[in-house]
Amino acid sequence: MKPTESTLSPICWGIYDTQLDQFRDEDYESEETARHEFVDYWKEIVFDEMWENFDFEHYMKRHHIPIHQLTEDEERAMVQAYMDDYTDEEFLDFYGFQVRPLDTALFN
């Protein structure tokens, strides 16, 4: 490679919100870091809403858990387990986010 040629790898990665048709403010050093850190962040944001609307009885039946009155800790653990069953990519797709390289011109 000639010294004047640039590499095709991006300087950093961002989270693209497909619903708003724009990048979020965060930037990340790698695609994997962007995916994992943003999904962890977004899971914290949506956890309470998911917990409020979660169908515990259906989840217990589906996972062969005897139906019983749940403690708050048990409910939280079930919601977390449900969320953890999805890959980072599936989670991003469901909420309309994509990990994309950011335009290197933005950083010059």
PDB file of N, CA and C in Angstrom:
ATOM      1  N   MET A   1       0.851  -1.170   0.000  1.00  0.00           N
ATOM      2  CA  MET A   1       0.000   0.000   0.000  1.00  0.00           C
ATOM      3  C   MET A   1       0.895   1.231   0.000  1.00  0.00           C
ATOM      4  N   LYS A   2       0.542   2.205  -0.799  1.00  0.00           N
ATOM      5  CA  LYS A   2       1.286   3.453  -0.879  1.00  0.00           C
ATOM      6  C   LYS A   2       0.999   4.294   0.365  1.00  0.00           C
ATOM      7  N   PRO A   3       1.968   5.094   0.800  1.00  0.00           N
ATOM      8  CA  PRO A   3       1.750   5.917   1.999  1.00  0.00           C
ATOM      9  C   PRO A   3       0.576   6.873   1.887  1.00  0.00           C
ATOM     10  N   THR A   4       0.185   7.270   0.690  1.00  0.00           N
ATOM     11  CA  THR A   4      -0.904   8.225   0.536  1.00  0.00           C
ATOM     12  C   THR A   4      -2.275   7.557   0.497  1.00  0.00           C
ATOM     13  N   GLU A   5      -2.293   6.223   0.339  1.00  0.00           N
ATOM     14  CA  GLU A   5      -3.572   5.515   0.304  1.00  0.00           C
ATOM     15  C   GLU A   5      -4.153   5.410   1.714  1.00  0.00           C
ATOM     16  N   SER A   6      -5.433   5.583   1.793  1.00  0.00           N
ATOM     17  CA  SER A   6      -6.077   5.423   3.100  1.00  0.00           C
ATOM     18  C   SER A   6      -6.642   4.018   3.208  1.00  0.00           C
ATOM     19  N   THR A   7      -6.761   3.537   4.392  1.00  0.00           N
ATOM     20  CA  THR A   7      -7.371   2.226   4.590  1.00  0.00           C
ATOM     21  C   THR A   7      -8.877   2.395   4.569  1.00  0.00           C
ATOM     22  N   LEU A   8      -9.571   1.307   4.331  1.00  0.00           N
ATOM     23  CA  LEU A   8     -11.026   1.362   4.251  1.00  0.00           C
ATOM     24  C   LEU A   8     -11.697   1.180   5.611  1.00  0.00           C
ATOM     25  N   SER A   9     -10.919   0.867   6.634  1.00  0.00           N
ATOM     26  CA  SER A   9     -11.543   0.680   7.943  1.00  0.00           C
ATOM     27  C   SER A   9     -11.890   2.030   8.559  1.00  0.00           C
ATOM     28  N   PRO A  10     -13.061   2.127   9.169  1.00  0.00           N
ATOM     29  CA  PRO A  10     -13.490   3.399   9.750  1.00  0.00           C
ATOM     30  C   PRO A  10     -12.693   3.736  11.003  1.00  0.00           C
ATOM     31  N   ILE A  11     -12.652   5.013  11.319  1.00  0.00           N
ATOM     32  CA  ILE A  11     -12.003   5.459  12.543  1.00  0.00           C
ATOM     33  C   ILE A  11     -12.825   5.006  13.739  1.00  0.00           C
ATOM     34  N   CYS A  12     -14.119   5.128  13.637  1.00  0.00           N
ATOM     35  CA  CYS A  12     -14.969   4.692  14.740  1.00  0.00           C
ATOM     36  C   CYS A  12     -16.346   4.301  14.214  1.00  0.00           C
ATOM     37  N   TRP A  13     -17.132   3.779  15.134  1.00  0.00           N
ATOM     38  CA  TRP A  13     -18.449   3.252  14.805  1.00  0.00           C
ATOM     39  C   TRP A  13     -19.508   4.003  15.585  1.00  0.00           C
ATOM     40  N   GLY A  14     -20.699   4.056  15.013  1.00  0.00           N
ATOM     41  CA  GLY A  14     -21.802   4.734  15.663  1.00  0.00           C
ATOM     42  C   GLY A  14     -23.065   3.907  15.622  1.00  0.00           C
ATOM     43  N   ILE A  15     -24.052   4.388  16.346  1.00  0.00           N
ATOM     44  CA  ILE A  15     -25.359   3.737  16.396  1.00  0.00           C
ATOM     45  C   ILE A  15     -26.323   4.576  15.555  1.00  0.00           C
ATOM     46  N   TYR A  16     -26.869   3.947  14.528  1.00  0.00           N
ATOM     47  CA  TYR A  16     -27.805   4.610  13.637  1.00  0.00           C
ATOM     48  C   TYR A  16     -29.224   4.259  14.053  1.00  0.00           C
ATOM     49  N   ASP A  17     -30.037   5.270  14.286  1.00  0.00           N
ATOM     50  CA  ASP A  17     -31.437   5.102  14.654  1.00  0.00           C
ATOM     51  C   ASP A  17     -32.253   5.141  13.370  1.00  0.00           C
ATOM     52  N   THR A  18     -32.772   3.984  12.962  1.00  0.00           N
ATOM     53  CA  THR A  18     -33.497   3.909  11.690  1.00  0.00           C
ATOM     54  C   THR A  18     -34.838   4.635  11.744  1.00  0.00           C
ATOM     55  N   GLN A  19     -35.413   4.771  12.941  1.00  0.00           N
ATOM     56  CA  GLN A  19     -36.699   5.455  13.062  1.00  0.00           C
ATOM     57  C   GLN A  19     -36.540   6.967  12.908  1.00  0.00           C
ATOM     58  N   LEU A  20     -35.443   7.497  13.445  1.00  0.00           N
ATOM     59  CA  LEU A  20     -35.191   8.943  13.342  1.00  0.00           C
ATOM     60  C   LEU A  20     -34.327   9.292  12.135  1.00  0.00           C
ATOM     61  N   ASP A  21     -33.793   8.271  11.463  1.00  0.00           N
ATOM     62  CA  ASP A  21     -32.945   8.451  10.290  1.00  0.00           C
ATOM     63  C   ASP A  21     -31.729   9.331  10.616  1.00  0.00           C
ATOM     64  N   GLN A  22     -31.072   8.994  11.740  1.00  0.00           N
ATOM     65  CA  GLN A  22     -29.891   9.761  12.138  1.00  0.00           C
ATOM     66  C   GLN A  22     -29.033   8.948  13.101  1.00  0.00           C
ATOM     67  N   PHE A  23     -27.772   9.352  13.210  1.00  0.00           N
ATOM     68  CA  PHE A  23     -26.867   8.722  14.162  1.00  0.00           C
ATOM     69  C   PHE A  23     -27.102   9.304  15.555  1.00  0.00           C
ATOM     70  N   ARG A  24     -26.902   8.465  16.549  1.00  0.00           N
ATOM     71  CA  ARG A  24     -26.904   8.928  17.931  1.00  0.00           C
ATOM     72  C   ARG A  24     -25.561   9.594  18.204  1.00  0.00           C
ATOM     73  N   ASP A  25     -25.440  10.275  19.335  1.00  0.00           N
ATOM     74  CA  ASP A  25     -24.236  11.041  19.644  1.00  0.00           C
ATOM     75  C   ASP A  25     -23.018  10.195  20.018  1.00  0.00           C
ATOM     76  N   GLU A  26     -23.224   8.965  20.457  1.00  0.00           N
ATOM     77  CA  GLU A  26     -22.117   8.144  20.920  1.00  0.00           C
ATOM     78  C   GLU A  26     -21.256   7.669  19.752  1.00  0.00           C
ATOM     79  N   ASP A  27     -19.970   7.454  20.031  1.00  0.00           N
ATOM     80  CA  ASP A  27     -19.116   6.782  19.062  1.00  0.00           C
ATOM     81  C   ASP A  27     -18.266   5.760  19.792  1.00  0.00           C
ATOM     82  N   TYR A  28     -17.858   4.726  19.068  1.00  0.00           N
ATOM     83  CA  TYR A  28     -17.175   3.584  19.656  1.00  0.00           C
ATOM     84  C   TYR A  28     -15.955   3.223  18.815  1.00  0.00           C
ATOM     85  N   GLU A  29     -14.971   2.587  19.446  1.00  0.00           N
ATOM     86  CA  GLU A  29     -13.726   2.250  18.772  1.00  0.00           C
ATOM     87  C   GLU A  29     -13.844   1.039  17.852  1.00  0.00           C
ATOM     88  N   SER A  30     -14.810   0.165  18.110  1.00  0.00           N
ATOM     89  CA  SER A  30     -14.963  -1.021  17.266  1.00  0.00           C
ATOM     90  C   SER A  30     -16.440  -1.336  17.083  1.00  0.00           C
ATOM     91  N   GLU A  31     -16.715  -2.099  16.057  1.00  0.00           N
ATOM     92  CA  GLU A  31     -18.089  -2.502  15.784  1.00  0.00           C
ATOM     93  C   GLU A  31     -18.622  -3.372  16.932  1.00  0.00           C
ATOM     94  N   GLU A  32     -17.802  -4.293  17.415  1.00  0.00           N
ATOM     95  CA  GLU A  32     -18.219  -5.177  18.499  1.00  0.00           C
ATOM     96  C   GLU A  32     -18.499  -4.396  19.786  1.00  0.00           C
ATOM     97  N   THR A  33     -17.641  -3.447  20.100  1.00  0.00           N
ATOM     98  CA  THR A  33     -17.839  -2.624  21.296  1.00  0.00           C
ATOM     99  C   THR A  33     -19.116  -1.807  21.172  1.00  0.00           C
ATOM    100  N   ALA A  34     -19.341  -1.233  20.004  1.00  0.00           N
ATOM    101  CA  ALA A  34     -20.560  -0.444  19.781  1.00  0.00           C
ATOM    102  C   ALA A  34     -21.795  -1.297  20.016  1.00  0.00           C
ATOM    103  N   ARG A  35     -21.803  -2.466  19.424  1.00  0.00           N
ATOM    104  CA  ARG A  35     -22.967  -3.345  19.530  1.00  0.00           C
ATOM    105  C   ARG A  35     -23.207  -3.731  20.994  1.00  0.00           C
ATOM    106  N   HIS A  36     -22.192  -4.227  21.643  1.00  0.00           N
ATOM    107  CA  HIS A  36     -22.362  -4.742  22.999  1.00  0.00           C
ATOM    108  C   HIS A  36     -22.683  -3.631  24.010  1.00  0.00           C
ATOM    109  N   GLU A  37     -21.940  -2.547  23.991  1.00  0.00           N
ATOM    110  CA  GLU A  37     -22.164  -1.471  24.968  1.00  0.00           C
ATOM    111  C   GLU A  37     -23.507  -0.792  24.765  1.00  0.00           C
ATOM    112  N   PHE A  38     -23.887  -0.570  23.501  1.00  0.00           N
ATOM    113  CA  PHE A  38     -25.168   0.093  23.270  1.00  0.00           C
ATOM    114  C   PHE A  38     -26.330  -0.816  23.660  1.00  0.00           C
ATOM    115  N   VAL A  39     -26.237  -2.094  23.356  1.00  0.00           N
ATOM    116  CA  VAL A  39     -27.314  -3.014  23.733  1.00  0.00           C
ATOM    117  C   VAL A  39     -27.449  -3.069  25.252  1.00  0.00           C
ATOM    118  N   ASP A  40     -26.335  -3.140  25.965  1.00  0.00           N
ATOM    119  CA  ASP A  40     -26.411  -3.125  27.434  1.00  0.00           C
ATOM    120  C   ASP A  40     -27.086  -1.847  27.928  1.00  0.00           C
ATOM    121  N   TYR A  41     -26.701  -0.724  27.352  1.00  0.00           N
ATOM    122  CA  TYR A  41     -27.291   0.575  27.704  1.00  0.00           C
ATOM    123  C   TYR A  41     -28.790   0.586  27.397  1.00  0.00           C
ATOM    124  N   TRP A  42     -29.170   0.119  26.222  1.00  0.00           N
ATOM    125  CA  TRP A  42     -30.575   0.170  25.817  1.00  0.00           C
ATOM    126  C   TRP A  42     -31.424  -0.802  26.623  1.00  0.00           C
ATOM    127  N   LYS A  43     -30.860  -1.946  26.999  1.00  0.00           N
ATOM    128  CA  LYS A  43     -31.602  -2.891  27.842  1.00  0.00           C
ATOM    129  C   LYS A  43     -31.951  -2.251  29.184  1.00  0.00           C
ATOM    130  N   GLU A  44     -31.056  -1.461  29.728  1.00  0.00           N
ATOM    131  CA  GLU A  44     -31.350  -0.764  30.986  1.00  0.00           C
ATOM    132  C   GLU A  44     -32.504   0.216  30.803  1.00  0.00           C
ATOM    133  N   ILE A  45     -32.543   0.876  29.663  1.00  0.00           N
ATOM    134  CA  ILE A  45     -33.593   1.864  29.390  1.00  0.00           C
ATOM    135  C   ILE A  45     -34.962   1.200  29.258  1.00  0.00           C
ATOM    136  N   VAL A  46     -35.039   0.090  28.559  1.00  0.00           N
ATOM    137  CA  VAL A  46     -36.338  -0.533  28.281  1.00  0.00           C
ATOM    138  C   VAL A  46     -36.762  -1.556  29.336  1.00  0.00           C
ATOM    139  N   PHE A  47     -35.885  -1.847  30.296  1.00  0.00           N
ATOM    140  CA  PHE A  47     -36.179  -2.900  31.267  1.00  0.00           C
ATOM    141  C   PHE A  47     -37.492  -2.651  32.016  1.00  0.00           C
ATOM    142  N   ASP A  48     -37.655  -1.476  32.589  1.00  0.00           N
ATOM    143  CA  ASP A  48     -38.857  -1.206  33.395  1.00  0.00           C
ATOM    144  C   ASP A  48     -40.141  -1.308  32.578  1.00  0.00           C
ATOM    145  N   GLU A  49     -40.110  -0.799  31.355  1.00  0.00           N
ATOM    146  CA  GLU A  49     -41.297  -0.894  30.502  1.00  0.00           C
ATOM    147  C   GLU A  49     -41.603  -2.350  30.164  1.00  0.00           C
ATOM    148  N   MET A  50     -40.554  -3.118  29.886  1.00  0.00           N
ATOM    149  CA  MET A  50     -40.761  -4.527  29.575  1.00  0.00           C
ATOM    150  C   MET A  50     -41.298  -5.267  30.804  1.00  0.00           C
ATOM    151  N   TRP A  51     -40.770  -4.941  31.959  1.00  0.00           N
ATOM    152  CA  TRP A  51     -41.198  -5.578  33.210  1.00  0.00           C
ATOM    153  C   TRP A  51     -42.680  -5.306  33.463  1.00  0.00           C
ATOM    154  N   GLU A  52     -43.113  -4.054  33.248  1.00  0.00           N
ATOM    155  CA  GLU A  52     -44.515  -3.684  33.470  1.00  0.00           C
ATOM    156  C   GLU A  52     -45.465  -4.423  32.542  1.00  0.00           C
ATOM    157  N   ASN A  53     -45.013  -4.759  31.346  1.00  0.00           N
ATOM    158  CA  ASN A  53     -45.882  -5.364  30.332  1.00  0.00           C
ATOM    159  C   ASN A  53     -45.609  -6.850  30.107  1.00  0.00           C
ATOM    160  N   PHE A  54     -44.777  -7.437  30.923  1.00  0.00           N
ATOM    161  CA  PHE A  54     -44.340  -8.816  30.706  1.00  0.00           C
ATOM    162  C   PHE A  54     -45.440  -9.806  31.074  1.00  0.00           C
ATOM    163  N   ASP A  55     -45.594 -10.838  30.261  1.00  0.00           N
ATOM    164  CA  ASP A  55     -46.572 -11.898  30.517  1.00  0.00           C
ATOM    165  C   ASP A  55     -45.858 -13.037  31.257  1.00  0.00           C
ATOM    166  N   PHE A  56     -45.819 -12.935  32.579  1.00  0.00           N
ATOM    167  CA  PHE A  56     -45.092 -13.899  33.393  1.00  0.00           C
ATOM    168  C   PHE A  56     -45.677 -15.300  33.290  1.00  0.00           C
ATOM    169  N   GLU A  57     -46.996 -15.389  33.267  1.00  0.00           N
ATOM    170  CA  GLU A  57     -47.632 -16.704  33.189  1.00  0.00           C
ATOM    171  C   GLU A  57     -47.241 -17.412  31.896  1.00  0.00           C
ATOM    172  N   HIS A  58     -47.275 -16.703  30.796  1.00  0.00           N
ATOM    173  CA  HIS A  58     -46.880 -17.289  29.516  1.00  0.00           C
ATOM    174  C   HIS A  58     -45.420 -17.748  29.554  1.00  0.00           C
ATOM    175  N   TYR A  59     -44.564 -16.903  30.108  1.00  0.00           N
ATOM    176  CA  TYR A  59     -43.137 -17.243  30.208  1.00  0.00           C
ATOM    177  C   TYR A  59     -42.938 -18.501  31.061  1.00  0.00           C
ATOM    178  N   MET A  60     -43.642 -18.577  32.188  1.00  0.00           N
ATOM    179  CA  MET A  60     -43.502 -19.738  33.066  1.00  0.00           C
ATOM    180  C   MET A  60     -43.998 -21.009  32.376  1.00  0.00           C
ATOM    181  N   LYS A  61     -45.128 -20.917  31.678  1.00  0.00           N
ATOM    182  CA  LYS A  61     -45.639 -22.083  30.956  1.00  0.00           C
ATOM    183  C   LYS A  61     -44.653 -22.521  29.881  1.00  0.00           C
ATOM    184  N   ARG A  62     -44.142 -21.567  29.155  1.00  0.00           N
ATOM    185  CA  ARG A  62     -43.219 -21.867  28.047  1.00  0.00           C
ATOM    186  C   ARG A  62     -41.921 -22.509  28.547  1.00  0.00           C
ATOM    187  N   HIS A  63     -41.491 -22.137  29.744  1.00  0.00           N
ATOM    188  CA  HIS A  63     -40.237 -22.660  30.288  1.00  0.00           C
ATOM    189  C   HIS A  63     -40.468 -23.722  31.374  1.00  0.00           C
ATOM    190  N   HIS A  64     -41.692 -24.236  31.425  1.00  0.00           N
ATOM    191  CA  HIS A  64     -42.041 -25.325  32.347  1.00  0.00           C
ATOM    192  C   HIS A  64     -41.714 -24.981  33.803  1.00  0.00           C
ATOM    193  N   ILE A  65     -42.032 -23.757  34.169  1.00  0.00           N
ATOM    194  CA  ILE A  65     -41.875 -23.292  35.539  1.00  0.00           C
ATOM    195  C   ILE A  65     -43.252 -23.357  36.188  1.00  0.00           C
ATOM    196  N   PRO A  66     -43.358 -24.021  37.332  1.00  0.00           N
ATOM    197  CA  PRO A  66     -44.673 -24.089  37.988  1.00  0.00           C
ATOM    198  C   PRO A  66     -45.241 -22.680  38.233  1.00  0.00           C
ATOM    199  N   ILE A  67     -46.510 -22.514  37.904  1.00  0.00           N
ATOM    200  CA  ILE A  67     -47.175 -21.234  38.093  1.00  0.00           C
ATOM    201  C   ILE A  67     -47.308 -20.977  39.595  1.00  0.00           C
ATOM    202  N   HIS A  68     -46.814 -19.824  40.014  1.00  0.00           N
ATOM    203  CA  HIS A  68     -46.890 -19.449  41.424  1.00  0.00           C
ATOM    204  C   HIS A  68     -46.759 -17.934  41.533  1.00  0.00           C
ATOM    205  N   GLN A  69     -47.077 -17.420  42.694  1.00  0.00           N
ATOM    206  CA  GLN A  69     -46.931 -15.988  42.953  1.00  0.00           C
ATOM    207  C   GLN A  69     -45.435 -15.664  42.973  1.00  0.00           C
ATOM    208  N   LEU A  70     -45.041 -14.709  42.155  1.00  0.00           N
ATOM    209  CA  LEU A  70     -43.622 -14.378  42.026  1.00  0.00           C
ATOM    210  C   LEU A  70     -43.233 -13.230  42.946  1.00  0.00           C
ATOM    211  N   THR A  71     -42.018 -13.285  43.429  1.00  0.00           N
ATOM    212  CA  THR A  71     -41.460 -12.146  44.154  1.00  0.00           C
ATOM    213  C   THR A  71     -40.961 -11.149  43.117  1.00  0.00           C
ATOM    214  N   GLU A  72     -40.692  -9.951  43.535  1.00  0.00           N
ATOM    215  CA  GLU A  72     -40.156  -8.941  42.624  1.00  0.00           C
ATOM    216  C   GLU A  72     -38.824  -9.405  42.040  1.00  0.00           C
ATOM    217  N   ASP A  73     -37.983 -10.014  42.869  1.00  0.00           N
ATOM    218  CA  ASP A  73     -36.689 -10.508  42.377  1.00  0.00           C
ATOM    219  C   ASP A  73     -36.869 -11.576  41.310  1.00  0.00           C
ATOM    220  N   GLU A  74     -37.839 -12.462  41.497  1.00  0.00           N
ATOM    221  CA  GLU A  74     -38.110 -13.501  40.494  1.00  0.00           C
ATOM    222  C   GLU A  74     -38.605 -12.877  39.191  1.00  0.00           C
ATOM    223  N   GLU A  75     -39.495 -11.897  39.300  1.00  0.00           N
ATOM    224  CA  GLU A  75     -39.989 -11.215  38.106  1.00  0.00           C
ATOM    225  C   GLU A  75     -38.842 -10.544  37.347  1.00  0.00           C
ATOM    226  N   ARG A  76     -38.006  -9.833  38.080  1.00  0.00           N
ATOM    227  CA  ARG A  76     -36.878  -9.143  37.450  1.00  0.00           C
ATOM    228  C   ARG A  76     -35.935 -10.144  36.773  1.00  0.00           C
ATOM    229  N   ALA A  77     -35.702 -11.258  37.429  1.00  0.00           N
ATOM    230  CA  ALA A  77     -34.821 -12.288  36.867  1.00  0.00           C
ATOM    231  C   ALA A  77     -35.414 -12.875  35.588  1.00  0.00           C
ATOM    232  N   MET A  78     -36.724 -13.076  35.561  1.00  0.00           N
ATOM    233  CA  MET A  78     -37.372 -13.608  34.353  1.00  0.00           C
ATOM    234  C   MET A  78     -37.281 -12.633  33.192  1.00  0.00           C
ATOM    235  N   VAL A  79     -37.532 -11.370  33.474  1.00  0.00           N
ATOM    236  CA  VAL A  79     -37.442 -10.353  32.416  1.00  0.00           C
ATOM    237  C   VAL A  79     -36.014 -10.277  31.895  1.00  0.00           C
ATOM    238  N   GLN A  80     -35.046 -10.310  32.792  1.00  0.00           N
ATOM    239  CA  GLN A  80     -33.646 -10.256  32.378  1.00  0.00           C
ATOM    240  C   GLN A  80     -33.280 -11.481  31.539  1.00  0.00           C
ATOM    241  N   ALA A  81     -33.736 -12.656  31.971  1.00  0.00           N
ATOM    242  CA  ALA A  81     -33.466 -13.883  31.222  1.00  0.00           C
ATOM    243  C   ALA A  81     -34.096 -13.805  29.826  1.00  0.00           C
ATOM    244  N   TYR A  82     -35.303 -13.286  29.753  1.00  0.00           N
ATOM    245  CA  TYR A  82     -35.977 -13.119  28.468  1.00  0.00           C
ATOM    246  C   TYR A  82     -35.174 -12.198  27.554  1.00  0.00           C
ATOM    247  N   MET A  83     -34.713 -11.088  28.102  1.00  0.00           N
ATOM    248  CA  MET A  83     -33.948 -10.139  27.303  1.00  0.00           C
ATOM    249  C   MET A  83     -32.599 -10.730  26.875  1.00  0.00           C
ATOM    250  N   ASP A  84     -32.002 -11.514  27.758  1.00  0.00           N
ATOM    251  CA  ASP A  84     -30.700 -12.115  27.465  1.00  0.00           C
ATOM    252  C   ASP A  84     -30.778 -13.227  26.419  1.00  0.00           C
ATOM    253  N   ASP A  85     -31.994 -13.746  26.177  1.00  0.00           N
ATOM    254  CA  ASP A  85     -32.161 -14.784  25.154  1.00  0.00           C
ATOM    255  C   ASP A  85     -31.945 -14.241  23.743  1.00  0.00           C
ATOM    256  N   TYR A  86     -32.021 -12.934  23.581  1.00  0.00           N
ATOM    257  CA  TYR A  86     -31.840 -12.327  22.267  1.00  0.00           C
ATOM    258  C   TYR A  86     -30.381 -11.937  22.063  1.00  0.00           C
ATOM    259  N   THR A  87     -29.894 -12.148  20.856  1.00  0.00           N
ATOM    260  CA  THR A  87     -28.541 -11.696  20.542  1.00  0.00           C
ATOM    261  C   THR A  87     -28.539 -10.177  20.469  1.00  0.00           C
ATOM    262  N   ASP A  88     -27.363  -9.603  20.572  1.00  0.00           N
ATOM    263  CA  ASP A  88     -27.245  -8.151  20.444  1.00  0.00           C
ATOM    264  C   ASP A  88     -27.829  -7.677  19.125  1.00  0.00           C
ATOM    265  N   GLU A  89     -27.551  -8.398  18.065  1.00  0.00           N
ATOM    266  CA  GLU A  89     -28.036  -8.015  16.735  1.00  0.00           C
ATOM    267  C   GLU A  89     -29.560  -8.056  16.672  1.00  0.00           C
ATOM    268  N   GLU A  90     -30.170  -9.088  17.233  1.00  0.00           N
ATOM    269  CA  GLU A  90     -31.634  -9.187  17.259  1.00  0.00           C
ATOM    270  C   GLU A  90     -32.237  -8.045  18.063  1.00  0.00           C
ATOM    271  N   PHE A  91     -31.611  -7.720  19.174  1.00  0.00           N
ATOM    272  CA  PHE A  91     -32.097  -6.647  20.031  1.00  0.00           C
ATOM    273  C   PHE A  91     -32.030  -5.305  19.300  1.00  0.00           C
ATOM    274  N   LEU A  92     -30.904  -5.041  18.644  1.00  0.00           N
ATOM    275  CA  LEU A  92     -30.770  -3.794  17.873  1.00  0.00           C
ATOM    276  C   LEU A  92     -31.829  -3.719  16.786  1.00  0.00           C
ATOM    277  N   ASP A  93     -32.000  -4.806  16.068  1.00  0.00           N
ATOM    278  CA  ASP A  93     -32.966  -4.839  14.975  1.00  0.00           C
ATOM    279  C   ASP A  93     -34.381  -4.590  15.472  1.00  0.00           C
ATOM    280  N   PHE A  94     -34.752  -5.203  16.587  1.00  0.00           N
ATOM    281  CA  PHE A  94     -36.090  -5.044  17.137  1.00  0.00           C
ATOM    282  C   PHE A  94     -36.391  -3.584  17.466  1.00  0.00           C
ATOM    283  N   TYR A  95     -35.397  -2.883  18.009  1.00  0.00           N
ATOM    284  CA  TYR A  95     -35.610  -1.486  18.399  1.00  0.00           C
ATOM    285  C   TYR A  95     -35.217  -0.484  17.316  1.00  0.00           C
ATOM    286  N   GLY A  96     -34.846  -0.962  16.148  1.00  0.00           N
ATOM    287  CA  GLY A  96     -34.587  -0.074  15.019  1.00  0.00           C
ATOM    288  C   GLY A  96     -33.235   0.627  15.056  1.00  0.00           C
ATOM    289  N   PHE A  97     -32.212  -0.068  15.555  1.00  0.00           N
ATOM    290  CA  PHE A  97     -30.865   0.491  15.579  1.00  0.00           C
ATOM    291  C   PHE A  97     -29.935  -0.359  14.737  1.00  0.00           C
ATOM    292  N   GLN A  98     -28.908   0.277  14.212  1.00  0.00           N
ATOM    293  CA  GLN A  98     -27.875  -0.427  13.457  1.00  0.00           C
ATOM    294  C   GLN A  98     -26.512   0.117  13.861  1.00  0.00           C
ATOM    295  N   VAL A  99     -25.523  -0.766  13.874  1.00  0.00           N
ATOM    296  CA  VAL A  99     -24.145  -0.333  14.092  1.00  0.00           C
ATOM    297  C   VAL A  99     -23.570  -0.057  12.702  1.00  0.00           C
ATOM    298  N   ARG A 100     -23.107   1.165  12.524  1.00  0.00           N
ATOM    299  CA  ARG A 100     -22.562   1.577  11.212  1.00  0.00           C
ATOM    300  C   ARG A 100     -21.257   2.325  11.402  1.00  0.00           C
ATOM    301  N   PRO A 101     -20.377   2.226  10.406  1.00  0.00           N
ATOM    302  CA  PRO A 101     -19.155   3.032  10.486  1.00  0.00           C
ATOM    303  C   PRO A 101     -19.508   4.510  10.343  1.00  0.00           C
ATOM    304  N   LEU A 102     -18.829   5.331  11.108  1.00  0.00           N
ATOM    305  CA  LEU A 102     -19.042   6.761  10.995  1.00  0.00           C
ATOM    306  C   LEU A 102     -18.139   7.314   9.885  1.00  0.00           C
ATOM    307  N   ASP A 103     -18.593   8.332   9.228  1.00  0.00           N
ATOM    308  CA  ASP A 103     -17.849   8.964   8.151  1.00  0.00           C
ATOM    309  C   ASP A 103     -16.563   9.566   8.704  1.00  0.00           C
ATOM    310  N   THR A 104     -15.424   9.115   8.217  1.00  0.00           N
ATOM    311  CA  THR A 104     -14.149   9.604   8.728  1.00  0.00           C
ATOM    312  C   THR A 104     -13.977  11.092   8.480  1.00  0.00           C
ATOM    313  N   ALA A 105     -14.685  11.646   7.527  1.00  0.00           N
ATOM    314  CA  ALA A 105     -14.584  13.103   7.260  1.00  0.00           C
ATOM    315  C   ALA A 105     -15.084  13.923   8.455  1.00  0.00           C
ATOM    316  N   LEU A 106     -15.948  13.331   9.264  1.00  0.00           N
ATOM    317  CA  LEU A 106     -16.461  14.036  10.428  1.00  0.00           C
ATOM    318  C   LEU A 106     -15.378  14.295  11.473  1.00  0.00           C
ATOM    319  N   PHE A 107     -14.302  13.529  11.390  1.00  0.00           N
ATOM    320  CA  PHE A 107     -13.276  13.611  12.423  1.00  0.00           C
ATOM    321  C   PHE A 107     -12.010  14.323  11.942  1.00  0.00           C
ATOM    322  N   ASN A 108     -12.037  14.892  10.763  1.00  0.00           N
ATOM    323  CA  ASN A 108     -10.857  15.615  10.228  1.00  0.00           C
ATOM    324  C   ASN A 108     -10.983  17.098  10.466  1.00  0.00           C
TER     325      ASN A 108
END
